[in-house]
Amino acid sequence: MQDLFKKSVLENLPAAAIDPLATSIALGIAFALGLWIFIIYKRTYNGVLYSRNFSLSLILLALVSTMIMKTVTSNLALSLGMVGALSIVRFRTAVKDPMDTVYMFWAVAIGITVGGGFEWVAVMGSIIIGLFLYIMFITGGKGSYAYLLIVRHDFESTNQVNYALRRLPKGTRLKSKTVSASGVEVTMEVRLPGENTNVVNELLKIEGVFDATLVSYQGDYAA
């Protein structure tokens, strides 16, 4: 009886006709909103290596999600089969930055809302989210860049190096310290205004400092 009931339900729910014009408009809106995500991601990215392929994939993800939603909402039987087909898909690419996962979810949400016929929700939500991220980037980052400062020096210059490190901008944190027979290696997390990297030149002026290195660093945000 259950199989008979399911069969009768599927037969009595005919597939809705897909309007080519409405589908084209939905894909156009999804493309515009995906491009908006692309711009926001590029403007607010502060990682080590910017990936243009990942940015373009956000646009494609919004388009593909819209296409799937348009198909799913037109036919109940097809939607059930598509759920089963998509359940076997596994993504092996590791996403290192949690914000990248948020952007991917944002792109999928655009596809779901636009494909479901709620274009105004997608537009308004994307504008608010994009402006929020951009404002947080400007006010939170304050134009500073995160670096790892690596200093190698001998034992005699320890006091001078420690004094110079204490003069670094507020928020500087010790990441590691290695002591060996040849000297000391200190790694600090530091945020410098703009691209001002004169700190390495100042450290090299200290007698006993072997070298000082700045490495672009992407880690937890320090307020």
N, C-alpha and C. Protein backbone atom coordinates (compact mmCIF):
# COMPACT_ATOMS: atom_id res chain seq x y z
N MET A 1 0.82 -1.20 0.00
CA MET A 1 0.00 0.00 0.00
C MET A 1 0.86 1.26 0.00
N GLN A 2 1.98 1.21 0.73
CA GLN A 2 2.86 2.37 0.75
C GLN A 2 3.45 2.65 -0.63
N ASP A 3 3.88 1.57 -1.31
CA ASP A 3 4.44 1.75 -2.66
C ASP A 3 3.37 2.26 -3.62
N LEU A 4 2.16 1.77 -3.48
CA LEU A 4 1.06 2.23 -4.33
C LEU A 4 0.75 3.69 -4.07
N PHE A 5 0.77 4.08 -2.80
CA PHE A 5 0.49 5.48 -2.45
C PHE A 5 1.58 6.40 -3.01
N LYS A 6 2.85 5.99 -2.86
CA LYS A 6 3.94 6.80 -3.38
C LYS A 6 3.84 6.94 -4.89
N LYS A 7 3.49 5.83 -5.57
CA LYS A 7 3.39 5.88 -7.03
C LYS A 7 2.28 6.80 -7.47
N SER A 8 1.14 6.75 -6.75
CA SER A 8 0.01 7.60 -7.13
C SER A 8 0.32 9.07 -6.89
N VAL A 9 1.08 9.36 -5.82
CA VAL A 9 1.44 10.74 -5.55
C VAL A 9 2.33 11.28 -6.65
N LEU A 10 3.33 10.49 -7.05
CA LEU A 10 4.24 10.95 -8.09
C LEU A 10 3.54 11.12 -9.43
N GLU A 11 2.57 10.23 -9.71
CA GLU A 11 1.88 10.33 -10.99
C GLU A 11 0.91 11.51 -11.02
N ASN A 12 0.35 11.88 -9.87
CA ASN A 12 -0.62 12.98 -9.82
C ASN A 12 0.03 14.35 -9.64
N LEU A 13 1.36 14.39 -9.58
CA LEU A 13 2.08 15.66 -9.48
C LEU A 13 2.89 15.85 -10.76
N PRO A 14 2.27 16.36 -11.79
CA PRO A 14 3.00 16.54 -13.05
C PRO A 14 4.09 17.57 -12.92
N ALA A 15 5.11 17.45 -13.77
CA ALA A 15 6.23 18.39 -13.76
C ALA A 15 5.77 19.76 -14.24
N ALA A 16 6.20 20.76 -13.56
CA ALA A 16 5.86 22.13 -13.95
C ALA A 16 6.76 22.55 -15.11
N ALA A 17 6.19 23.32 -16.00
CA ALA A 17 6.95 23.79 -17.16
C ALA A 17 7.98 24.83 -16.72
N ILE A 18 9.19 24.69 -17.25
CA ILE A 18 10.26 25.62 -16.93
C ILE A 18 10.25 26.75 -17.95
N ASP A 19 10.07 27.97 -17.46
CA ASP A 19 10.03 29.14 -18.33
C ASP A 19 11.46 29.54 -18.69
N PRO A 20 11.82 29.48 -19.98
CA PRO A 20 13.19 29.84 -20.37
C PRO A 20 13.56 31.27 -20.00
N LEU A 21 12.60 32.20 -20.14
CA LEU A 21 12.89 33.59 -19.81
C LEU A 21 13.14 33.76 -18.31
N ALA A 22 12.28 33.15 -17.49
CA ALA A 22 12.45 33.25 -16.03
C ALA A 22 13.75 32.59 -15.60
N THR A 23 14.10 31.48 -16.25
CA THR A 23 15.36 30.81 -15.91
C THR A 23 16.56 31.66 -16.29
N SER A 24 16.47 32.32 -17.45
CA SER A 24 17.57 33.19 -17.88
C SER A 24 17.74 34.37 -16.94
N ILE A 25 16.62 34.94 -16.50
CA ILE A 25 16.68 36.06 -15.55
C ILE A 25 17.28 35.60 -14.23
N ALA A 26 16.87 34.41 -13.77
CA ALA A 26 17.39 33.89 -12.50
C ALA A 26 18.90 33.65 -12.60
N LEU A 27 19.35 33.09 -13.72
CA LEU A 27 20.79 32.87 -13.89
C LEU A 27 21.54 34.19 -13.98
N GLY A 28 20.92 35.20 -14.61
CA GLY A 28 21.55 36.51 -14.67
C GLY A 28 21.70 37.14 -13.30
N ILE A 29 20.65 37.02 -12.48
CA ILE A 29 20.72 37.55 -11.11
C ILE A 29 21.78 36.80 -10.31
N ALA A 30 21.81 35.47 -10.47
CA ALA A 30 22.81 34.67 -9.76
C ALA A 30 24.22 35.05 -10.18
N PHE A 31 24.41 35.32 -11.48
CA PHE A 31 25.74 35.73 -11.95
C PHE A 31 26.14 37.08 -11.36
N ALA A 32 25.19 38.03 -11.32
CA ALA A 32 25.49 39.35 -10.76
C ALA A 32 25.83 39.25 -9.28
N LEU A 33 25.08 38.45 -8.55
CA LEU A 33 25.36 38.30 -7.12
C LEU A 33 26.66 37.52 -6.89
N GLY A 34 26.93 36.53 -7.76
CA GLY A 34 28.20 35.82 -7.67
C GLY A 34 29.38 36.74 -7.94
N LEU A 35 29.20 37.67 -8.89
CA LEU A 35 30.24 38.67 -9.16
C LEU A 35 30.43 39.60 -7.96
N TRP A 36 29.34 39.91 -7.27
CA TRP A 36 29.41 40.72 -6.05
C TRP A 36 30.22 39.99 -4.97
N ILE A 37 30.00 38.68 -4.83
CA ILE A 37 30.80 37.88 -3.89
C ILE A 37 32.27 37.90 -4.29
N PHE A 38 32.52 37.77 -5.60
CA PHE A 38 33.89 37.79 -6.12
C PHE A 38 34.61 39.09 -5.74
N ILE A 39 33.91 40.21 -5.89
CA ILE A 39 34.51 41.52 -5.58
C ILE A 39 34.77 41.65 -4.08
N ILE A 40 33.78 41.26 -3.26
CA ILE A 40 33.94 41.37 -1.82
C ILE A 40 35.07 40.47 -1.34
N TYR A 41 35.15 39.27 -1.86
CA TYR A 41 36.20 38.34 -1.45
C TYR A 41 37.58 38.89 -1.81
N LYS A 42 37.68 39.44 -3.01
CA LYS A 42 38.97 39.97 -3.45
C LYS A 42 39.39 41.20 -2.65
N ARG A 43 38.42 42.06 -2.31
CA ARG A 43 38.74 43.29 -1.59
C ARG A 43 39.07 43.04 -0.13
N THR A 44 38.47 42.02 0.47
CA THR A 44 38.66 41.78 1.89
C THR A 44 39.64 40.65 2.19
N TYR A 45 40.23 40.06 1.15
CA TYR A 45 41.14 38.94 1.39
C TYR A 45 42.45 39.45 1.99
N ASN A 46 42.87 38.83 3.08
CA ASN A 46 44.12 39.21 3.73
C ASN A 46 44.98 38.00 4.04
N GLY A 47 44.83 36.96 3.24
CA GLY A 47 45.61 35.75 3.44
C GLY A 47 46.99 35.85 2.82
N VAL A 48 47.66 34.70 2.78
CA VAL A 48 49.01 34.66 2.26
C VAL A 48 49.03 34.64 0.75
N LEU A 49 48.18 33.81 0.13
CA LEU A 49 48.20 33.65 -1.32
C LEU A 49 46.77 33.71 -1.85
N TYR A 50 46.47 34.74 -2.63
CA TYR A 50 45.14 34.90 -3.20
C TYR A 50 44.94 33.93 -4.36
N SER A 51 43.83 33.20 -4.36
CA SER A 51 43.53 32.24 -5.41
C SER A 51 42.40 32.78 -6.28
N ARG A 52 42.75 33.11 -7.52
CA ARG A 52 41.74 33.60 -8.45
C ARG A 52 40.78 32.49 -8.85
N ASN A 53 41.28 31.26 -8.92
CA ASN A 53 40.41 30.13 -9.27
C ASN A 53 39.32 29.93 -8.24
N PHE A 54 39.67 30.08 -6.95
CA PHE A 54 38.65 29.95 -5.92
C PHE A 54 37.61 31.06 -6.04
N SER A 55 38.05 32.28 -6.34
CA SER A 55 37.11 33.40 -6.51
C SER A 55 36.14 33.13 -7.66
N LEU A 56 36.67 32.64 -8.77
CA LEU A 56 35.80 32.33 -9.92
C LEU A 56 34.86 31.17 -9.60
N SER A 57 35.32 30.23 -8.78
CA SER A 57 34.46 29.10 -8.42
C SER A 57 33.25 29.56 -7.62
N LEU A 58 33.35 30.68 -6.92
CA LEU A 58 32.19 31.20 -6.17
C LEU A 58 31.08 31.63 -7.13
N ILE A 59 31.48 32.25 -8.24
CA ILE A 59 30.48 32.65 -9.25
C ILE A 59 29.83 31.41 -9.85
N LEU A 60 30.65 30.43 -10.21
CA LEU A 60 30.12 29.20 -10.81
C LEU A 60 29.25 28.44 -9.82
N LEU A 61 29.61 28.47 -8.55
CA LEU A 61 28.82 27.77 -7.54
C LEU A 61 27.43 28.38 -7.42
N ALA A 62 27.33 29.71 -7.50
CA ALA A 62 26.02 30.36 -7.46
C ALA A 62 25.19 29.99 -8.68
N LEU A 63 25.83 29.94 -9.86
CA LEU A 63 25.10 29.59 -11.09
C LEU A 63 24.63 28.13 -11.07
N VAL A 64 25.53 27.24 -10.67
CA VAL A 64 25.17 25.82 -10.65
C VAL A 64 24.06 25.55 -9.63
N SER A 65 24.14 26.19 -8.48
CA SER A 65 23.10 26.01 -7.46
C SER A 65 21.75 26.50 -7.96
N THR A 66 21.77 27.62 -8.67
CA THR A 66 20.52 28.14 -9.24
C THR A 66 19.94 27.17 -10.26
N MET A 67 20.79 26.63 -11.12
CA MET A 67 20.34 25.68 -12.13
C MET A 67 19.73 24.43 -11.50
N ILE A 68 20.36 23.93 -10.45
CA ILE A 68 19.84 22.75 -9.77
C ILE A 68 18.50 23.04 -9.11
N MET A 69 18.39 24.21 -8.46
CA MET A 69 17.15 24.55 -7.78
C MET A 69 16.01 24.73 -8.77
N LYS A 70 16.28 25.32 -9.92
CA LYS A 70 15.24 25.48 -10.94
C LYS A 70 14.74 24.11 -11.41
N THR A 71 15.63 23.17 -11.53
CA THR A 71 15.25 21.83 -11.96
C THR A 71 14.49 21.09 -10.87
N VAL A 72 14.97 21.21 -9.65
CA VAL A 72 14.35 20.51 -8.53
C VAL A 72 12.93 21.00 -8.28
N THR A 73 12.72 22.30 -8.32
CA THR A 73 11.39 22.85 -8.03
C THR A 73 10.37 22.59 -9.13
N SER A 74 10.80 22.09 -10.27
CA SER A 74 9.88 21.86 -11.38
C SER A 74 9.31 20.44 -11.39
N ASN A 75 9.95 19.51 -10.67
CA ASN A 75 9.52 18.12 -10.75
C ASN A 75 9.84 17.43 -9.43
N LEU A 76 8.80 16.90 -8.76
CA LEU A 76 9.00 16.24 -7.47
C LEU A 76 9.81 14.96 -7.62
N ALA A 77 9.49 14.14 -8.62
CA ALA A 77 10.21 12.89 -8.81
C ALA A 77 11.68 13.13 -9.11
N LEU A 78 11.92 14.13 -9.95
CA LEU A 78 13.30 14.45 -10.30
C LEU A 78 14.06 14.99 -9.09
N SER A 79 13.37 15.75 -8.24
CA SER A 79 14.03 16.29 -7.05
C SER A 79 14.44 15.18 -6.10
N LEU A 80 13.59 14.16 -5.94
CA LEU A 80 13.94 13.04 -5.07
C LEU A 80 15.13 12.26 -5.63
N GLY A 81 15.14 12.07 -6.94
CA GLY A 81 16.27 11.37 -7.56
C GLY A 81 17.55 12.18 -7.48
N MET A 82 17.43 13.50 -7.60
CA MET A 82 18.63 14.34 -7.54
C MET A 82 19.21 14.37 -6.14
N VAL A 83 18.33 14.32 -5.13
CA VAL A 83 18.83 14.26 -3.75
C VAL A 83 19.67 13.01 -3.55
N GLY A 84 19.20 11.89 -4.08
CA GLY A 84 19.96 10.66 -3.96
C GLY A 84 21.27 10.70 -4.73
N ALA A 85 21.24 11.34 -5.91
CA ALA A 85 22.46 11.42 -6.72
C ALA A 85 23.50 12.33 -6.07
N LEU A 86 23.05 13.45 -5.53
CA LEU A 86 23.99 14.39 -4.91
C LEU A 86 24.52 13.89 -3.58
N SER A 87 23.83 12.94 -2.96
CA SER A 87 24.29 12.44 -1.66
C SER A 87 25.56 11.62 -1.78
N ILE A 88 25.88 11.15 -2.98
CA ILE A 88 27.10 10.35 -3.15
C ILE A 88 28.30 11.21 -3.54
N VAL A 89 28.10 12.51 -3.70
CA VAL A 89 29.19 13.40 -4.08
C VAL A 89 30.04 13.70 -2.85
N ARG A 90 31.34 13.58 -3.00
CA ARG A 90 32.27 13.85 -1.90
C ARG A 90 33.33 14.83 -2.40
N PHE A 91 33.56 15.89 -1.62
CA PHE A 91 34.57 16.88 -1.96
C PHE A 91 35.81 16.61 -1.13
N ARG A 92 36.94 16.41 -1.79
CA ARG A 92 38.18 16.07 -1.12
C ARG A 92 39.08 17.28 -0.86
N THR A 93 38.79 18.43 -1.47
CA THR A 93 39.64 19.60 -1.29
C THR A 93 39.45 20.18 0.10
N ALA A 94 40.55 20.33 0.81
CA ALA A 94 40.49 20.87 2.17
C ALA A 94 40.44 22.40 2.11
N VAL A 95 39.54 22.98 2.88
CA VAL A 95 39.43 24.44 2.98
C VAL A 95 40.11 24.86 4.27
N LYS A 96 41.26 25.56 4.15
CA LYS A 96 42.06 25.90 5.32
C LYS A 96 41.50 27.09 6.09
N ASP A 97 40.96 28.08 5.36
CA ASP A 97 40.45 29.28 6.02
C ASP A 97 38.95 29.12 6.26
N PRO A 98 38.47 29.28 7.49
CA PRO A 98 37.03 29.17 7.74
C PRO A 98 36.21 30.17 6.95
N MET A 99 36.78 31.34 6.66
CA MET A 99 36.05 32.34 5.89
C MET A 99 35.78 31.87 4.47
N ASP A 100 36.66 31.06 3.91
CA ASP A 100 36.42 30.51 2.57
C ASP A 100 35.18 29.62 2.57
N THR A 101 34.98 28.87 3.65
CA THR A 101 33.78 28.05 3.78
C THR A 101 32.53 28.91 3.84
N VAL A 102 32.62 30.05 4.53
CA VAL A 102 31.49 30.97 4.61
C VAL A 102 31.14 31.51 3.23
N TYR A 103 32.15 31.88 2.45
CA TYR A 103 31.89 32.39 1.10
C TYR A 103 31.25 31.33 0.22
N MET A 104 31.69 30.08 0.34
CA MET A 104 31.09 29.00 -0.43
C MET A 104 29.63 28.80 -0.04
N PHE A 105 29.35 28.83 1.26
CA PHE A 105 27.97 28.69 1.72
C PHE A 105 27.12 29.87 1.25
N TRP A 106 27.71 31.05 1.21
CA TRP A 106 27.01 32.24 0.72
C TRP A 106 26.63 32.05 -0.74
N ALA A 107 27.55 31.54 -1.56
CA ALA A 107 27.26 31.31 -2.97
C ALA A 107 26.16 30.27 -3.15
N VAL A 108 26.19 29.20 -2.35
CA VAL A 108 25.14 28.18 -2.43
C VAL A 108 23.80 28.77 -2.00
N ALA A 109 23.80 29.60 -0.96
CA ALA A 109 22.56 30.23 -0.50
C ALA A 109 21.95 31.11 -1.58
N ILE A 110 22.79 31.79 -2.35
CA ILE A 110 22.28 32.59 -3.46
C ILE A 110 21.58 31.70 -4.48
N GLY A 111 22.22 30.58 -4.81
CA GLY A 111 21.59 29.67 -5.77
C GLY A 111 20.27 29.12 -5.28
N ILE A 112 20.18 28.81 -3.98
CA ILE A 112 18.95 28.26 -3.42
C ILE A 112 17.83 29.30 -3.43
N THR A 113 18.13 30.52 -2.99
CA THR A 113 17.08 31.55 -2.92
C THR A 113 16.65 32.02 -4.30
N VAL A 114 17.62 32.23 -5.19
CA VAL A 114 17.26 32.68 -6.55
C VAL A 114 16.53 31.58 -7.29
N GLY A 115 17.04 30.35 -7.21
CA GLY A 115 16.37 29.23 -7.88
C GLY A 115 15.00 28.94 -7.31
N GLY A 116 14.79 29.25 -6.04
CA GLY A 116 13.49 29.04 -5.43
C GLY A 116 12.50 30.16 -5.66
N GLY A 117 12.92 31.21 -6.36
CA GLY A 117 12.01 32.31 -6.68
C GLY A 117 12.02 33.44 -5.68
N PHE A 118 12.99 33.48 -4.79
CA PHE A 118 13.08 34.55 -3.80
C PHE A 118 14.28 35.45 -4.12
N GLU A 119 14.23 36.04 -5.31
CA GLU A 119 15.36 36.86 -5.77
C GLU A 119 15.62 38.04 -4.85
N TRP A 120 14.55 38.66 -4.35
CA TRP A 120 14.73 39.85 -3.49
C TRP A 120 15.44 39.48 -2.19
N VAL A 121 15.22 38.26 -1.68
CA VAL A 121 15.93 37.82 -0.48
C VAL A 121 17.43 37.69 -0.78
N ALA A 122 17.74 37.12 -1.94
CA ALA A 122 19.15 36.96 -2.31
C ALA A 122 19.84 38.31 -2.50
N VAL A 123 19.15 39.25 -3.15
CA VAL A 123 19.74 40.57 -3.41
C VAL A 123 19.96 41.33 -2.11
N MET A 124 18.92 41.44 -1.30
CA MET A 124 19.03 42.19 -0.05
C MET A 124 20.03 41.54 0.90
N GLY A 125 19.96 40.22 1.00
CA GLY A 125 20.89 39.53 1.89
C GLY A 125 22.34 39.68 1.45
N SER A 126 22.58 39.61 0.15
CA SER A 126 23.95 39.73 -0.36
C SER A 126 24.50 41.14 -0.16
N ILE A 127 23.67 42.14 -0.36
CA ILE A 127 24.11 43.52 -0.15
C ILE A 127 24.48 43.75 1.31
N ILE A 128 23.63 43.27 2.22
CA ILE A 128 23.89 43.48 3.65
C ILE A 128 25.14 42.71 4.08
N ILE A 129 25.27 41.46 3.66
CA ILE A 129 26.43 40.66 4.04
C ILE A 129 27.71 41.26 3.48
N GLY A 130 27.67 41.67 2.19
CA GLY A 130 28.85 42.24 1.57
C GLY A 130 29.31 43.53 2.25
N LEU A 131 28.36 44.41 2.55
CA LEU A 131 28.71 45.66 3.22
C LEU A 131 29.23 45.39 4.63
N PHE A 132 28.64 44.43 5.31
CA PHE A 132 29.10 44.09 6.66
C PHE A 132 30.55 43.58 6.63
N LEU A 133 30.86 42.70 5.69
CA LEU A 133 32.22 42.17 5.59
C LEU A 133 33.22 43.27 5.25
N TYR A 134 32.83 44.16 4.34
CA TYR A 134 33.75 45.22 3.93
C TYR A 134 33.99 46.21 5.08
N ILE A 135 32.94 46.54 5.80
CA ILE A 135 33.08 47.47 6.93
C ILE A 135 33.94 46.84 8.03
N MET A 136 33.70 45.56 8.30
CA MET A 136 34.50 44.88 9.32
C MET A 136 35.96 44.79 8.90
N PHE A 137 36.21 44.64 7.60
CA PHE A 137 37.59 44.57 7.11
C PHE A 137 38.31 45.90 7.30
N ILE A 138 37.60 46.99 7.00
CA ILE A 138 38.23 48.31 7.11
C ILE A 138 38.42 48.71 8.57
N THR A 139 37.37 48.57 9.36
CA THR A 139 37.44 49.01 10.75
C THR A 139 38.21 48.04 11.64
N GLY A 140 38.12 46.75 11.34
CA GLY A 140 38.81 45.75 12.16
C GLY A 140 40.28 45.64 11.86
N GLY A 141 40.63 45.62 10.56
CA GLY A 141 42.03 45.50 10.20
C GLY A 141 42.81 46.78 10.37
N LYS A 142 42.13 47.96 10.23
CA LYS A 142 42.75 49.26 10.37
C LYS A 142 44.00 49.43 9.49
N GLY A 143 43.93 48.80 8.31
CA GLY A 143 45.02 48.97 7.36
C GLY A 143 46.32 48.31 7.78
N SER A 144 46.27 47.35 8.69
CA SER A 144 47.49 46.69 9.15
C SER A 144 47.60 45.31 8.54
N TYR A 145 48.82 44.80 8.51
CA TYR A 145 49.09 43.50 7.93
C TYR A 145 49.76 42.61 8.98
N ALA A 146 49.40 41.34 8.98
CA ALA A 146 49.95 40.40 9.96
C ALA A 146 51.20 39.75 9.38
N TYR A 147 52.23 39.66 10.22
CA TYR A 147 53.50 39.04 9.82
C TYR A 147 54.00 38.15 10.94
N LEU A 148 54.87 37.23 10.55
CA LEU A 148 55.70 36.51 11.50
C LEU A 148 57.10 37.12 11.44
N LEU A 149 57.58 37.60 12.55
CA LEU A 149 58.90 38.19 12.63
C LEU A 149 59.85 37.17 13.26
N ILE A 150 60.86 36.77 12.50
CA ILE A 150 61.82 35.77 12.94
C ILE A 150 63.17 36.45 13.10
N VAL A 151 63.71 36.40 14.33
CA VAL A 151 64.98 37.07 14.64
C VAL A 151 65.94 36.03 15.20
N ARG A 152 67.14 35.99 14.64
CA ARG A 152 68.21 35.12 15.16
C ARG A 152 69.35 36.00 15.66
N HIS A 153 69.78 35.76 16.90
CA HIS A 153 70.82 36.60 17.50
C HIS A 153 71.63 35.76 18.48
N ASP A 154 72.75 36.34 18.93
CA ASP A 154 73.60 35.64 19.89
C ASP A 154 73.13 35.96 21.31
N PHE A 155 73.78 35.34 22.30
CA PHE A 155 73.34 35.50 23.68
C PHE A 155 73.65 36.90 24.23
N GLU A 156 74.73 37.50 23.76
CA GLU A 156 75.13 38.80 24.28
C GLU A 156 74.13 39.91 23.94
N SER A 157 73.42 39.76 22.84
CA SER A 157 72.49 40.81 22.39
C SER A 157 71.06 40.56 22.84
N THR A 158 70.84 39.63 23.77
CA THR A 158 69.49 39.26 24.18
C THR A 158 68.73 40.45 24.76
N ASN A 159 69.36 41.19 25.65
CA ASN A 159 68.67 42.32 26.27
C ASN A 159 68.29 43.39 25.26
N GLN A 160 69.18 43.70 24.33
CA GLN A 160 68.88 44.71 23.32
C GLN A 160 67.76 44.26 22.39
N VAL A 161 67.78 42.99 22.00
CA VAL A 161 66.72 42.47 21.13
C VAL A 161 65.38 42.48 21.85
N ASN A 162 65.36 42.07 23.11
CA ASN A 162 64.11 42.07 23.87
C ASN A 162 63.56 43.49 24.02
N TYR A 163 64.43 44.45 24.21
CA TYR A 163 63.99 45.85 24.31
C TYR A 163 63.38 46.32 22.99
N ALA A 164 64.01 45.95 21.87
CA ALA A 164 63.48 46.33 20.56
C ALA A 164 62.14 45.65 20.28
N LEU A 165 61.99 44.40 20.70
CA LEU A 165 60.73 43.69 20.47
C LEU A 165 59.61 44.28 21.33
N ARG A 166 59.93 44.75 22.52
CA ARG A 166 58.90 45.36 23.37
C ARG A 166 58.40 46.68 22.79
N ARG A 167 59.14 47.28 21.89
CA ARG A 167 58.73 48.53 21.26
C ARG A 167 57.87 48.31 20.03
N LEU A 168 57.62 47.06 19.67
CA LEU A 168 56.77 46.77 18.52
C LEU A 168 55.33 47.16 18.82
N PRO A 169 54.47 47.31 17.78
CA PRO A 169 53.08 47.74 18.00
C PRO A 169 52.33 46.83 18.97
N LYS A 170 51.31 47.39 19.58
CA LYS A 170 50.50 46.65 20.54
C LYS A 170 49.84 45.45 19.86
N GLY A 171 49.78 44.35 20.58
CA GLY A 171 49.20 43.13 20.03
C GLY A 171 50.24 42.13 19.58
N THR A 172 51.52 42.48 19.64
CA THR A 172 52.58 41.55 19.27
C THR A 172 52.63 40.40 20.27
N ARG A 173 52.72 39.18 19.74
CA ARG A 173 52.70 38.01 20.60
C ARG A 173 53.85 37.07 20.26
N LEU A 174 54.38 36.42 21.27
CA LEU A 174 55.45 35.45 21.08
C LEU A 174 54.86 34.13 20.59
N LYS A 175 55.38 33.63 19.46
CA LYS A 175 54.92 32.37 18.91
C LYS A 175 55.84 31.21 19.29
N SER A 176 57.16 31.46 19.24
CA SER A 176 58.10 30.41 19.62
C SER A 176 59.45 31.03 19.93
N LYS A 177 60.24 30.28 20.72
CA LYS A 177 61.60 30.70 21.04
C LYS A 177 62.48 29.46 21.10
N THR A 178 63.54 29.48 20.31
CA THR A 178 64.45 28.34 20.23
C THR A 178 65.84 28.77 20.68
N VAL A 179 66.39 28.05 21.62
CA VAL A 179 67.73 28.33 22.13
C VAL A 179 68.64 27.16 21.75
N SER A 180 69.74 27.48 21.09
CA SER A 180 70.72 26.46 20.69
C SER A 180 72.11 26.93 21.09
N ALA A 181 73.10 26.11 20.80
CA ALA A 181 74.47 26.47 21.15
C ALA A 181 74.97 27.66 20.34
N SER A 182 74.39 27.88 19.16
CA SER A 182 74.84 28.97 18.30
C SER A 182 74.13 30.29 18.60
N GLY A 183 73.02 30.27 19.35
CA GLY A 183 72.31 31.50 19.64
C GLY A 183 70.84 31.26 19.92
N VAL A 184 70.05 32.31 19.72
CA VAL A 184 68.61 32.28 20.03
C VAL A 184 67.82 32.66 18.78
N GLU A 185 66.71 31.97 18.56
CA GLU A 185 65.78 32.30 17.48
C GLU A 185 64.41 32.57 18.07
N VAL A 186 63.89 33.75 17.82
CA VAL A 186 62.60 34.16 18.36
C VAL A 186 61.63 34.42 17.21
N THR A 187 60.40 33.90 17.33
CA THR A 187 59.36 34.12 16.33
C THR A 187 58.21 34.86 16.98
N MET A 188 57.87 36.03 16.43
CA MET A 188 56.82 36.87 16.98
C MET A 188 55.72 37.07 15.94
N GLU A 189 54.48 37.15 16.40
CA GLU A 189 53.36 37.56 15.54
C GLU A 189 53.16 39.05 15.74
N VAL A 190 53.25 39.82 14.65
CA VAL A 190 53.20 41.27 14.75
C VAL A 190 52.32 41.82 13.63
N ARG A 191 51.58 42.87 13.93
CA ARG A 191 50.77 43.57 12.94
C ARG A 191 51.40 44.94 12.70
N LEU A 192 51.77 45.20 11.45
CA LEU A 192 52.43 46.45 11.09
C LEU A 192 51.51 47.30 10.25
N PRO A 193 51.49 48.62 10.45
CA PRO A 193 50.63 49.50 9.67
C PRO A 193 51.09 49.56 8.22
N GLY A 194 50.12 49.42 7.31
CA GLY A 194 50.45 49.47 5.89
C GLY A 194 51.44 48.39 5.52
N GLU A 195 52.44 48.76 4.75
CA GLU A 195 53.50 47.83 4.39
C GLU A 195 54.84 48.33 4.93
N ASN A 196 54.80 48.91 6.11
CA ASN A 196 56.00 49.43 6.75
C ASN A 196 56.78 48.27 7.36
N THR A 197 57.90 47.93 6.73
CA THR A 197 58.71 46.79 7.18
C THR A 197 60.09 47.24 7.66
N ASN A 198 60.19 48.47 8.12
CA ASN A 198 61.48 48.99 8.59
C ASN A 198 61.94 48.33 9.89
N VAL A 199 61.06 47.56 10.52
CA VAL A 199 61.42 46.94 11.78
C VAL A 199 62.60 45.98 11.61
N VAL A 200 62.69 45.30 10.45
CA VAL A 200 63.80 44.37 10.23
C VAL A 200 65.12 45.15 10.09
N ASN A 201 65.06 46.32 9.47
CA ASN A 201 66.27 47.13 9.34
C ASN A 201 66.77 47.62 10.70
N GLU A 202 65.82 47.98 11.57
CA GLU A 202 66.20 48.44 12.90
C GLU A 202 66.82 47.31 13.71
N LEU A 203 66.28 46.11 13.57
CA LEU A 203 66.82 44.98 14.32
C LEU A 203 68.22 44.60 13.84
N LEU A 204 68.45 44.73 12.53
CA LEU A 204 69.78 44.38 12.00
C LEU A 204 70.86 45.35 12.46
N LYS A 205 70.47 46.54 12.91
CA LYS A 205 71.45 47.49 13.41
C LYS A 205 72.01 47.10 14.79
N ILE A 206 71.31 46.17 15.46
CA ILE A 206 71.77 45.72 16.78
C ILE A 206 72.94 44.77 16.60
N GLU A 207 73.99 45.03 17.28
CA GLU A 207 75.17 44.17 17.18
C GLU A 207 74.87 42.80 17.80
N GLY A 208 75.15 41.77 17.06
CA GLY A 208 74.87 40.41 17.52
C GLY A 208 73.66 39.79 16.87
N VAL A 209 72.88 40.55 16.09
CA VAL A 209 71.73 40.00 15.36
C VAL A 209 72.21 39.43 14.04
N PHE A 210 71.98 38.14 13.82
CA PHE A 210 72.42 37.50 12.59
C PHE A 210 71.53 37.86 11.41
N ASP A 211 70.22 37.75 11.60
CA ASP A 211 69.27 38.10 10.54
C ASP A 211 67.90 38.30 11.15
N ALA A 212 67.06 39.02 10.42
CA ALA A 212 65.66 39.28 10.80
C ALA A 212 64.79 39.10 9.56
N THR A 213 63.72 38.33 9.70
CA THR A 213 62.87 37.98 8.55
C THR A 213 61.42 38.25 8.88
N LEU A 214 60.71 38.84 7.90
CA LEU A 214 59.27 39.04 8.00
C LEU A 214 58.58 38.12 7.00
N VAL A 215 57.60 37.35 7.50
CA VAL A 215 56.85 36.44 6.64
C VAL A 215 55.37 36.77 6.77
N SER A 216 54.70 36.94 5.63
CA SER A 216 53.27 37.21 5.67
C SER A 216 52.56 36.07 6.36
N TYR A 217 51.68 36.44 7.29
CA TYR A 217 51.07 35.45 8.17
C TYR A 217 49.56 35.57 8.14
N GLN A 218 48.90 34.40 8.04
CA GLN A 218 47.44 34.36 8.13
C GLN A 218 47.07 33.46 9.27
N GLY A 219 46.60 34.05 10.34
CA GLY A 219 46.23 33.26 11.52
C GLY A 219 44.98 33.82 12.13
N ASP A 220 44.77 33.52 13.40
CA ASP A 220 43.59 34.05 14.10
C ASP A 220 43.69 35.55 14.20
N TYR A 221 42.57 36.22 14.03
CA TYR A 221 42.54 37.67 14.10
C TYR A 221 42.74 38.12 15.54
N ALA A 222 43.63 39.07 15.71
CA ALA A 222 43.89 39.62 17.04
C ALA A 222 43.36 41.04 17.08
N ALA A 223 42.38 41.30 17.92
CA ALA A 223 41.79 42.63 17.99
C ALA A 223 42.73 43.56 18.75
